[in-house]
Amino acid sequence: MAQDFAHRNYSHTQRKVTGHSGGRTSRDLARRTLSQNFLVDRTAVDTMMTVADPAGEVLEPGAGEGVLTRALAGRGARVTAYEIDPLLAAKLSAQTRAERGIRVVRGDFTKAKAPRTPFAVVGNIPFSVTAEIVDWCLAAPALTSATLLTQREYARKRTGDYGRWSLLTATSWPWFGWSLHGQVHRTSFRPVPAVDSAILRIDRRPEPLVAHRDSYTDLVRTGFSGIGGTVRASLRTRYQGVDAALAEAGIARDTVVAYVHPEQWVALHSALTR
């Protein structure tokens, strides 16, 4: 049974086997310390490839034993695979040295310097550093897309699948689209994690939906400030003409901020900054 890439905590701490280890080997403890849960479902790998549609330069966080790495390269991508576990990184590097289109880097992906030319990110990312990896992707000027296998709850929250929208999604919406592409059940991993995963894709828009990032971000953050309990109450602390703008954007006056769709934030910004 083939093992695939891992969910892992990017901590550099690795414990030695002691009398208190419960009979675990050093690799068992490394997997526990790095939160490694290897994907064994080939269908999930194929789905990731379909969603990512890899081409050109691809950066992969948490390459593990390289099944996803090889799948990406097999699709013609030029893959830079990051792996913080020194043993896994050394093993993958040795096994792929003669394979075209794969470069293995031992290190923390979140500390990597983003390429200056267009690239994508594809990876089965560690739950514990999901926010850091997503922030890295959003801050990379040349990123075209990120296809991430992450905790299902996180993916649903960021894509509005609960019927509510997060601050991160709303503030980034004019520049990035967020979409959910199916669940990967926890039993697809060994060891089995406590929660299911899902495939999240983030796409940079060809053209931003707003021209002024600062004023848009300030508007959304003001709306999410929580003052007064509704988006109307929060915005009226700073802006004039809020009621007319809400009507134009199709937002009821008693709407709680989480239920404002990102497209409505774009409409609000347009109405309030004319």
C-alpha atoms as a PDB file:
ATOM      1  CA  MET A   1       0.000   0.000   0.000  1.00  0.00           C
ATOM      2  CA  ALA A   2       1.562   3.238  -1.129  1.00  0.00           C
ATOM      3  CA  GLN A   3       2.037   6.041   1.366  1.00  0.00           C
ATOM      4  CA  ASP A   4       1.502   9.599   0.266  1.00  0.00           C
ATOM      5  CA  PHE A   5       2.259  13.088   1.461  1.00  0.00           C
ATOM      6  CA  ALA A   6       1.627  14.057   5.074  1.00  0.00           C
ATOM      7  CA  HIS A   7      -0.224  16.380   7.368  1.00  0.00           C
ATOM      8  CA  ARG A   8       2.527  17.523   9.704  1.00  0.00           C
ATOM      9  CA  ASN A   9       3.327  20.085  12.362  1.00  0.00           C
ATOM     10  CA  TYR A  10       6.357  22.096  11.213  1.00  0.00           C
ATOM     11  CA  SER A  11       7.971  21.938  14.663  1.00  0.00           C
ATOM     12  CA  HIS A  12      11.675  21.169  14.536  1.00  0.00           C
ATOM     13  CA  THR A  13      11.457  19.278  17.852  1.00  0.00           C
ATOM     14  CA  GLN A  14      11.862  15.509  17.624  1.00  0.00           C
ATOM     15  CA  ARG A  15      11.774  13.334  20.728  1.00  0.00           C
ATOM     16  CA  LYS A  16      14.081  10.362  21.300  1.00  0.00           C
ATOM     17  CA  VAL A  17      12.726   6.946  22.218  1.00  0.00           C
ATOM     18  CA  THR A  18      12.762   6.507  25.998  1.00  0.00           C
ATOM     19  CA  GLY A  19      11.343   4.156  28.538  1.00  0.00           C
ATOM     20  CA  HIS A  20       8.178   6.292  28.476  1.00  0.00           C
ATOM     21  CA  SER A  21       7.643   5.961  24.736  1.00  0.00           C
ATOM     22  CA  GLY A  22       5.240   3.047  25.049  1.00  0.00           C
ATOM     23  CA  GLY A  23       7.318   0.929  22.673  1.00  0.00           C
ATOM     24  CA  ARG A  24       7.186   3.424  19.819  1.00  0.00           C
ATOM     25  CA  THR A  25      10.082   3.669  17.420  1.00  0.00           C
ATOM     26  CA  SER A  26      11.856   6.948  16.671  1.00  0.00           C
ATOM     27  CA  ARG A  27       9.889   7.202  13.399  1.00  0.00           C
ATOM     28  CA  ASP A  28       6.606   6.680  15.275  1.00  0.00           C
ATOM     29  CA  LEU A  29       7.533   9.540  17.558  1.00  0.00           C
ATOM     30  CA  ALA A  30       8.616  11.697  14.615  1.00  0.00           C
ATOM     31  CA  ARG A  31       5.259  11.113  12.945  1.00  0.00           C
ATOM     32  CA  ARG A  32       3.509  12.078  16.162  1.00  0.00           C
ATOM     33  CA  THR A  33       5.669  15.197  16.682  1.00  0.00           C
ATOM     34  CA  LEU A  34       5.271  16.274  13.042  1.00  0.00           C
ATOM     35  CA  SER A  35       1.581  15.242  12.903  1.00  0.00           C
ATOM     36  CA  GLN A  36       2.245  12.971   9.945  1.00  0.00           C
ATOM     37  CA  ASN A  37      -0.838  11.238   8.543  1.00  0.00           C
ATOM     38  CA  PHE A  38      -0.021   9.655   5.180  1.00  0.00           C
ATOM     39  CA  LEU A  39      -2.682   9.580   2.491  1.00  0.00           C
ATOM     40  CA  VAL A  40      -3.185   6.079   1.098  1.00  0.00           C
ATOM     41  CA  ASP A  41      -6.147   6.777  -1.206  1.00  0.00           C
ATOM     42  CA  ARG A  42      -5.034   6.950  -4.831  1.00  0.00           C
ATOM     43  CA  THR A  43      -8.420   8.356  -5.841  1.00  0.00           C
ATOM     44  CA  ALA A  44      -7.771  11.415  -3.673  1.00  0.00           C
ATOM     45  CA  VAL A  45      -4.420  11.967  -5.395  1.00  0.00           C
ATOM     46  CA  ASP A  46      -6.110  11.776  -8.787  1.00  0.00           C
ATOM     47  CA  THR A  47      -8.774  14.238  -7.633  1.00  0.00           C
ATOM     48  CA  MET A  48      -6.096  16.632  -6.434  1.00  0.00           C
ATOM     49  CA  MET A  49      -4.464  16.468  -9.867  1.00  0.00           C
ATOM     50  CA  THR A  50      -7.781  17.148 -11.590  1.00  0.00           C
ATOM     51  CA  VAL A  51      -8.531  20.161  -9.394  1.00  0.00           C
ATOM     52  CA  ALA A  52      -4.984  21.550  -9.515  1.00  0.00           C
ATOM     53  CA  ASP A  53      -4.491  20.947 -13.264  1.00  0.00           C
ATOM     54  CA  PRO A  54      -0.749  21.483 -12.711  1.00  0.00           C
ATOM     55  CA  ALA A  55       1.481  23.138 -15.290  1.00  0.00           C
ATOM     56  CA  GLY A  56       4.659  25.186 -15.194  1.00  0.00           C
ATOM     57  CA  GLU A  57       6.271  25.834 -11.830  1.00  0.00           C
ATOM     58  CA  VAL A  58       4.622  24.264  -8.767  1.00  0.00           C
ATOM     59  CA  LEU A  59       5.679  24.515  -5.122  1.00  0.00           C
ATOM     60  CA  GLU A  60       4.598  21.678  -2.850  1.00  0.00           C
ATOM     61  CA  PRO A  61       4.456  22.082   0.946  1.00  0.00           C
ATOM     62  CA  GLY A  62       5.010  18.881   2.910  1.00  0.00           C
ATOM     63  CA  ALA A  63       6.037  16.466   0.179  1.00  0.00           C
ATOM     64  CA  GLY A  64       6.388  13.461   2.491  1.00  0.00           C
ATOM     65  CA  GLU A  65       7.291  10.340   0.543  1.00  0.00           C
ATOM     66  CA  GLY A  66       6.541  11.998  -2.768  1.00  0.00           C
ATOM     67  CA  VAL A  67       3.477  10.348  -4.285  1.00  0.00           C
ATOM     68  CA  LEU A  68       1.912  13.758  -4.926  1.00  0.00           C
ATOM     69  CA  THR A  69       5.306  15.082  -6.021  1.00  0.00           C
ATOM     70  CA  ARG A  70       5.573  12.383  -8.664  1.00  0.00           C
ATOM     71  CA  ALA A  71       1.968  12.885  -9.745  1.00  0.00           C
ATOM     72  CA  LEU A  72       2.609  16.583 -10.309  1.00  0.00           C
ATOM     73  CA  ALA A  73       5.791  15.909 -12.250  1.00  0.00           C
ATOM     74  CA  GLY A  74       3.962  13.242 -14.218  1.00  0.00           C
ATOM     75  CA  ARG A  75       1.532  15.922 -15.367  1.00  0.00           C
ATOM     76  CA  GLY A  76       4.433  17.971 -16.694  1.00  0.00           C
ATOM     77  CA  ALA A  77       4.881  20.397 -13.798  1.00  0.00           C
ATOM     78  CA  ARG A  78       8.293  21.542 -12.554  1.00  0.00           C
ATOM     79  CA  VAL A  79       8.008  20.722  -8.865  1.00  0.00           C
ATOM     80  CA  THR A  80       9.913  22.171  -5.934  1.00  0.00           C
ATOM     81  CA  ALA A  81       8.991  19.869  -3.064  1.00  0.00           C
ATOM     82  CA  TYR A  82       9.479  21.173   0.495  1.00  0.00           C
ATOM     83  CA  GLU A  83       9.879  18.688   3.338  1.00  0.00           C
ATOM     84  CA  ILE A  84      10.938  19.601   6.872  1.00  0.00           C
ATOM     85  CA  ASP A  85      11.443  16.029   8.119  1.00  0.00           C
ATOM     86  CA  PRO A  86      15.160  15.419   7.357  1.00  0.00           C
ATOM     87  CA  LEU A  87      14.773  11.664   6.879  1.00  0.00           C
ATOM     88  CA  LEU A  88      11.846  11.984   4.505  1.00  0.00           C
ATOM     89  CA  ALA A  89      13.554  14.811   2.627  1.00  0.00           C
ATOM     90  CA  ALA A  90      16.745  12.781   2.201  1.00  0.00           C
ATOM     91  CA  LYS A  91      14.826   9.703   1.084  1.00  0.00           C
ATOM     92  CA  LEU A  92      12.722  11.604  -1.440  1.00  0.00           C
ATOM     93  CA  SER A  93      15.747  13.462  -2.775  1.00  0.00           C
ATOM     94  CA  ALA A  94      17.651  10.217  -3.306  1.00  0.00           C
ATOM     95  CA  GLN A  95      14.709   8.499  -4.969  1.00  0.00           C
ATOM     96  CA  THR A  96      13.918  11.335  -7.361  1.00  0.00           C
ATOM     97  CA  ARG A  97      17.425  12.554  -8.175  1.00  0.00           C
ATOM     98  CA  ALA A  98      17.256  11.048 -11.638  1.00  0.00           C
ATOM     99  CA  GLU A  99      13.639  12.071 -12.261  1.00  0.00           C
ATOM    100  CA  ARG A 100      13.002  15.054 -14.454  1.00  0.00           C
ATOM    101  CA  GLY A 101      11.114  18.047 -13.096  1.00  0.00           C
ATOM    102  CA  ILE A 102      11.563  17.420  -9.354  1.00  0.00           C
ATOM    103  CA  ARG A 103      13.680  19.378  -6.896  1.00  0.00           C
ATOM    104  CA  VAL A 104      13.519  18.508  -3.194  1.00  0.00           C
ATOM    105  CA  VAL A 105      14.224  21.164  -0.564  1.00  0.00           C
ATOM    106  CA  ARG A 106      14.689  20.235   3.077  1.00  0.00           C
ATOM    107  CA  GLY A 107      13.088  23.099   4.958  1.00  0.00           C
ATOM    108  CA  ASP A 108      10.024  24.970   6.127  1.00  0.00           C
ATOM    109  CA  PHE A 109       7.809  26.015   3.221  1.00  0.00           C
ATOM    110  CA  THR A 110       6.521  29.052   5.104  1.00  0.00           C
ATOM    111  CA  LYS A 111      10.079  30.433   5.203  1.00  0.00           C
ATOM    112  CA  ALA A 112      10.619  29.952   1.466  1.00  0.00           C
ATOM    113  CA  LYS A 113      11.105  32.905  -0.866  1.00  0.00           C
ATOM    114  CA  ALA A 114       8.302  33.126  -3.394  1.00  0.00           C
ATOM    115  CA  PRO A 115       9.260  32.903  -7.075  1.00  0.00           C
ATOM    116  CA  ARG A 116       9.086  36.118  -9.077  1.00  0.00           C
ATOM    117  CA  THR A 117       7.535  34.415 -12.081  1.00  0.00           C
ATOM    118  CA  PRO A 118       4.065  32.774 -12.178  1.00  0.00           C
ATOM    119  CA  PHE A 119       3.730  29.622 -10.087  1.00  0.00           C
ATOM    120  CA  ALA A 120       1.132  27.504  -8.302  1.00  0.00           C
ATOM    121  CA  VAL A 121       1.084  25.808  -4.902  1.00  0.00           C
ATOM    122  CA  VAL A 122      -0.267  22.276  -4.539  1.00  0.00           C
ATOM    123  CA  GLY A 123      -0.063  20.294  -1.344  1.00  0.00           C
ATOM    124  CA  ASN A 124      -1.548  18.265   1.455  1.00  0.00           C
ATOM    125  CA  ILE A 125      -0.812  20.808   4.124  1.00  0.00           C
ATOM    126  CA  PRO A 126      -0.355  20.432   7.896  1.00  0.00           C
ATOM    127  CA  PHE A 127      -3.474  21.351   9.844  1.00  0.00           C
ATOM    128  CA  SER A 128      -1.390  23.157  12.465  1.00  0.00           C
ATOM    129  CA  VAL A 129       0.114  25.656  10.018  1.00  0.00           C
ATOM    130  CA  THR A 130      -2.779  26.034   7.584  1.00  0.00           C
ATOM    131  CA  ALA A 131      -3.200  29.738   8.337  1.00  0.00           C
ATOM    132  CA  GLU A 132       0.514  30.430   7.832  1.00  0.00           C
ATOM    133  CA  ILE A 133       0.598  28.609   4.485  1.00  0.00           C
ATOM    134  CA  VAL A 134      -2.550  30.325   3.226  1.00  0.00           C
ATOM    135  CA  ASP A 135      -1.207  33.730   4.287  1.00  0.00           C
ATOM    136  CA  TRP A 136       2.064  32.960   2.472  1.00  0.00           C
ATOM    137  CA  CYS A 137       0.131  32.118  -0.691  1.00  0.00           C
ATOM    138  CA  LEU A 138      -2.025  35.248  -0.549  1.00  0.00           C
ATOM    139  CA  ALA A 139       1.056  37.427  -0.067  1.00  0.00           C
ATOM    140  CA  ALA A 140       2.992  35.976  -3.020  1.00  0.00           C
ATOM    141  CA  PRO A 141       2.634  38.424  -5.942  1.00  0.00           C
ATOM    142  CA  ALA A 142       3.262  35.825  -8.664  1.00  0.00           C
ATOM    143  CA  LEU A 143       0.998  33.074  -7.267  1.00  0.00           C
ATOM    144  CA  THR A 144      -1.636  31.991  -9.779  1.00  0.00           C
ATOM    145  CA  SER A 145      -3.452  29.377  -7.685  1.00  0.00           C
ATOM    146  CA  ALA A 146      -3.207  27.215  -4.581  1.00  0.00           C
ATOM    147  CA  THR A 147      -4.807  23.774  -4.372  1.00  0.00           C
ATOM    148  CA  LEU A 148      -4.664  22.642  -0.762  1.00  0.00           C
ATOM    149  CA  LEU A 149      -5.844  19.504   0.990  1.00  0.00           C
ATOM    150  CA  THR A 150      -6.658  20.751   4.444  1.00  0.00           C
ATOM    151  CA  GLN A 151      -9.038  20.289   7.340  1.00  0.00           C
ATOM    152  CA  ARG A 152     -12.614  20.073   6.021  1.00  0.00           C
ATOM    153  CA  GLU A 153     -13.934  22.583   8.538  1.00  0.00           C
ATOM    154  CA  TYR A 154     -11.341  25.152   7.453  1.00  0.00           C
ATOM    155  CA  ALA A 155     -12.125  24.682   3.761  1.00  0.00           C
ATOM    156  CA  ARG A 156     -15.870  24.971   4.364  1.00  0.00           C
ATOM    157  CA  LYS A 157     -15.431  28.090   6.497  1.00  0.00           C
ATOM    158  CA  ARG A 158     -13.302  29.870   3.900  1.00  0.00           C
ATOM    159  CA  THR A 159     -15.615  29.059   0.979  1.00  0.00           C
ATOM    160  CA  GLY A 160     -18.927  30.021   2.612  1.00  0.00           C
ATOM    161  CA  ASP A 161     -20.130  26.413   2.720  1.00  0.00           C
ATOM    162  CA  TYR A 162     -21.715  27.011   6.130  1.00  0.00           C
ATOM    163  CA  GLY A 163     -23.697  29.924   4.692  1.00  0.00           C
ATOM    164  CA  ARG A 164     -21.376  32.371   6.447  1.00  0.00           C
ATOM    165  CA  TRP A 165     -18.230  34.163   5.297  1.00  0.00           C
ATOM    166  CA  SER A 166     -14.981  34.788   7.145  1.00  0.00           C
ATOM    167  CA  LEU A 167     -13.021  38.016   7.389  1.00  0.00           C
ATOM    168  CA  LEU A 168     -10.098  36.518   5.458  1.00  0.00           C
ATOM    169  CA  THR A 169     -12.290  35.481   2.542  1.00  0.00           C
ATOM    170  CA  ALA A 170     -14.116  38.812   2.443  1.00  0.00           C
ATOM    171  CA  THR A 171     -10.945  40.918   2.573  1.00  0.00           C
ATOM    172  CA  SER A 172      -9.164  38.873  -0.106  1.00  0.00           C
ATOM    173  CA  TRP A 173     -12.176  38.380  -2.404  1.00  0.00           C
ATOM    174  CA  PRO A 174     -11.472  41.173  -4.901  1.00  0.00           C
ATOM    175  CA  TRP A 175      -8.122  39.503  -5.653  1.00  0.00           C
ATOM    176  CA  PHE A 176      -8.777  35.788  -5.011  1.00  0.00           C
ATOM    177  CA  GLY A 177     -11.628  33.364  -5.562  1.00  0.00           C
ATOM    178  CA  TRP A 178     -12.145  30.573  -3.019  1.00  0.00           C
ATOM    179  CA  SER A 179     -13.774  27.258  -3.972  1.00  0.00           C
ATOM    180  CA  LEU A 180     -14.419  23.878  -2.331  1.00  0.00           C
ATOM    181  CA  HIS A 181     -13.771  20.707  -4.339  1.00  0.00           C
ATOM    182  CA  GLY A 182     -14.898  17.745  -2.303  1.00  0.00           C
ATOM    183  CA  GLN A 183     -14.188  15.832   0.869  1.00  0.00           C
ATOM    184  CA  VAL A 184     -11.432  13.333   1.631  1.00  0.00           C
ATOM    185  CA  HIS A 185     -12.535  11.046   4.454  1.00  0.00           C
ATOM    186  CA  ARG A 186     -10.267  10.567   7.452  1.00  0.00           C
ATOM    187  CA  THR A 187     -10.017   6.832   6.756  1.00  0.00           C
ATOM    188  CA  SER A 188      -8.038   7.717   3.622  1.00  0.00           C
ATOM    189  CA  PHE A 189      -5.052   8.413   5.900  1.00  0.00           C
ATOM    190  CA  ARG A 190      -2.741   6.249   7.987  1.00  0.00           C
ATOM    191  CA  PRO A 191      -2.661   6.820  10.894  1.00  0.00           C
ATOM    192  CA  VAL A 192      -6.295   7.953  10.797  1.00  0.00           C
ATOM    193  CA  PRO A 193      -6.669  11.607  11.909  1.00  0.00           C
ATOM    194  CA  ALA A 194      -9.541  12.812  14.063  1.00  0.00           C
ATOM    195  CA  VAL A 195     -11.216  14.857  11.317  1.00  0.00           C
ATOM    196  CA  ASP A 196     -11.949  14.722   7.601  1.00  0.00           C
ATOM    197  CA  SER A 197     -10.138  16.748   4.951  1.00  0.00           C
ATOM    198  CA  ALA A 198     -11.311  18.663   1.888  1.00  0.00           C
ATOM    199  CA  ILE A 199      -9.754  20.170  -1.220  1.00  0.00           C
ATOM    200  CA  LEU A 200      -9.638  23.968  -1.198  1.00  0.00           C
ATOM    201  CA  ARG A 201      -8.634  25.948  -4.265  1.00  0.00           C
ATOM    202  CA  ILE A 202      -7.663  29.623  -4.233  1.00  0.00           C
ATOM    203  CA  ASP A 203      -7.400  31.388  -7.595  1.00  0.00           C
ATOM    204  CA  ARG A 204      -5.924  34.792  -8.298  1.00  0.00           C
ATOM    205  CA  ARG A 205      -8.336  36.820 -10.384  1.00  0.00           C
ATOM    206  CA  PRO A 206      -7.076  38.060 -13.764  1.00  0.00           C
ATOM    207  CA  GLU A 207      -8.188  41.564 -12.777  1.00  0.00           C
ATOM    208  CA  PRO A 208      -9.018  42.806  -9.253  1.00  0.00           C
ATOM    209  CA  LEU A 209     -12.667  43.583  -8.529  1.00  0.00           C
ATOM    210  CA  VAL A 210     -11.715  46.832  -6.761  1.00  0.00           C
ATOM    211  CA  ALA A 211      -9.048  49.403  -7.539  1.00  0.00           C
ATOM    212  CA  HIS A 212      -8.139  50.514  -4.018  1.00  0.00           C
ATOM    213  CA  ARG A 213      -7.022  47.752  -1.648  1.00  0.00           C
ATOM    214  CA  ASP A 214      -6.611  49.898   1.471  1.00  0.00           C
ATOM    215  CA  SER A 215     -10.045  51.504   1.398  1.00  0.00           C
ATOM    216  CA  TYR A 216     -11.716  48.173   0.647  1.00  0.00           C
ATOM    217  CA  THR A 217      -9.873  46.377   3.450  1.00  0.00           C
ATOM    218  CA  ASP A 218     -10.689  49.179   5.900  1.00  0.00           C
ATOM    219  CA  LEU A 219     -14.377  48.917   4.989  1.00  0.00           C
ATOM    220  CA  VAL A 220     -14.542  45.160   5.538  1.00  0.00           C
ATOM    221  CA  ARG A 221     -12.596  45.307   8.785  1.00  0.00           C
ATOM    222  CA  THR A 222     -14.898  48.024  10.064  1.00  0.00           C
ATOM    223  CA  GLY A 223     -17.879  45.836   9.203  1.00  0.00           C
ATOM    224  CA  PHE A 224     -16.358  42.911  11.079  1.00  0.00           C
ATOM    225  CA  SER A 225     -15.536  45.032  14.135  1.00  0.00           C
ATOM    226  CA  GLY A 226     -18.644  43.753  15.919  1.00  0.00           C
ATOM    227  CA  ILE A 227     -19.866  47.164  17.026  1.00  0.00           C
ATOM    228  CA  GLY A 228     -23.650  47.147  17.321  1.00  0.00           C
ATOM    229  CA  GLY A 229     -24.144  43.534  16.253  1.00  0.00           C
ATOM    230  CA  THR A 230     -25.054  44.188  12.605  1.00  0.00           C
ATOM    231  CA  VAL A 231     -23.069  45.279   9.573  1.00  0.00           C
ATOM    232  CA  ARG A 232     -25.219  48.426   9.427  1.00  0.00           C
ATOM    233  CA  ALA A 233     -24.381  49.394  13.002  1.00  0.00           C
ATOM    234  CA  SER A 234     -20.674  48.776  12.499  1.00  0.00           C
ATOM    235  CA  LEU A 235     -20.425  50.737   9.258  1.00  0.00           C
ATOM    236  CA  ARG A 236     -22.429  53.700  10.546  1.00  0.00           C
ATOM    237  CA  THR A 237     -19.660  54.377  13.083  1.00  0.00           C
ATOM    238  CA  ARG A 238     -17.434  55.526  10.217  1.00  0.00           C
ATOM    239  CA  TYR A 239     -19.324  55.949   6.935  1.00  0.00           C
ATOM    240  CA  GLN A 240     -22.074  58.206   5.629  1.00  0.00           C
ATOM    241  CA  GLY A 241     -24.877  56.946   3.404  1.00  0.00           C
ATOM    242  CA  VAL A 242     -24.783  53.412   4.789  1.00  0.00           C
ATOM    243  CA  ASP A 243     -28.523  52.726   4.423  1.00  0.00           C
ATOM    244  CA  ALA A 244     -28.529  53.645   0.736  1.00  0.00           C
ATOM    245  CA  ALA A 245     -25.384  51.565   0.139  1.00  0.00           C
ATOM    246  CA  LEU A 246     -26.898  48.552   1.893  1.00  0.00           C
ATOM    247  CA  ALA A 247     -30.011  48.820  -0.243  1.00  0.00           C
ATOM    248  CA  GLU A 248     -27.919  49.066  -3.403  1.00  0.00           C
ATOM    249  CA  ALA A 249     -25.943  45.960  -2.426  1.00  0.00           C
ATOM    250  CA  GLY A 250     -29.102  44.009  -1.543  1.00  0.00           C
ATOM    251  CA  ILE A 251     -28.290  43.728   2.175  1.00  0.00           C
ATOM    252  CA  ALA A 252     -31.039  43.938   4.788  1.00  0.00           C
ATOM    253  CA  ARG A 253     -30.436  46.445   7.577  1.00  0.00           C
ATOM    254  CA  ASP A 254     -30.464  43.747  10.283  1.00  0.00           C
ATOM    255  CA  THR A 255     -27.914  41.489   8.546  1.00  0.00           C
ATOM    256  CA  VAL A 256     -25.163  40.080  10.764  1.00  0.00           C
ATOM    257  CA  VAL A 257     -21.759  40.668   9.205  1.00  0.00           C
ATOM    258  CA  ALA A 258     -20.896  36.987   8.608  1.00  0.00           C
ATOM    259  CA  TYR A 259     -23.884  36.669   6.262  1.00  0.00           C
ATOM    260  CA  VAL A 260     -22.720  39.417   3.907  1.00  0.00           C
ATOM    261  CA  HIS A 261     -21.490  37.739   0.717  1.00  0.00           C
ATOM    262  CA  PRO A 262     -18.050  38.893  -0.496  1.00  0.00           C
ATOM    263  CA  GLU A 263     -19.621  40.167  -3.726  1.00  0.00           C
ATOM    264  CA  GLN A 264     -21.858  42.383  -1.592  1.00  0.00           C
ATOM    265  CA  TRP A 265     -18.772  43.820   0.096  1.00  0.00           C
ATOM    266  CA  VAL A 266     -17.509  44.777  -3.336  1.00  0.00           C
ATOM    267  CA  ALA A 267     -20.839  46.467  -4.057  1.00  0.00           C
ATOM    268  CA  LEU A 268     -20.780  48.257  -0.690  1.00  0.00           C
ATOM    269  CA  HIS A 269     -17.290  49.547  -1.369  1.00  0.00           C
ATOM    270  CA  SER A 270     -18.361  50.862  -4.736  1.00  0.00           C
ATOM    271  CA  ALA A 271     -21.385  52.629  -3.236  1.00  0.00           C
ATOM    272  CA  LEU A 272     -19.557  54.132  -0.256  1.00  0.00           C
ATOM    273  CA  THR A 273     -16.425  55.335  -2.039  1.00  0.00           C
ATOM    274  CA  ARG A 274     -17.836  57.032  -5.129  1.00  0.00           C
END
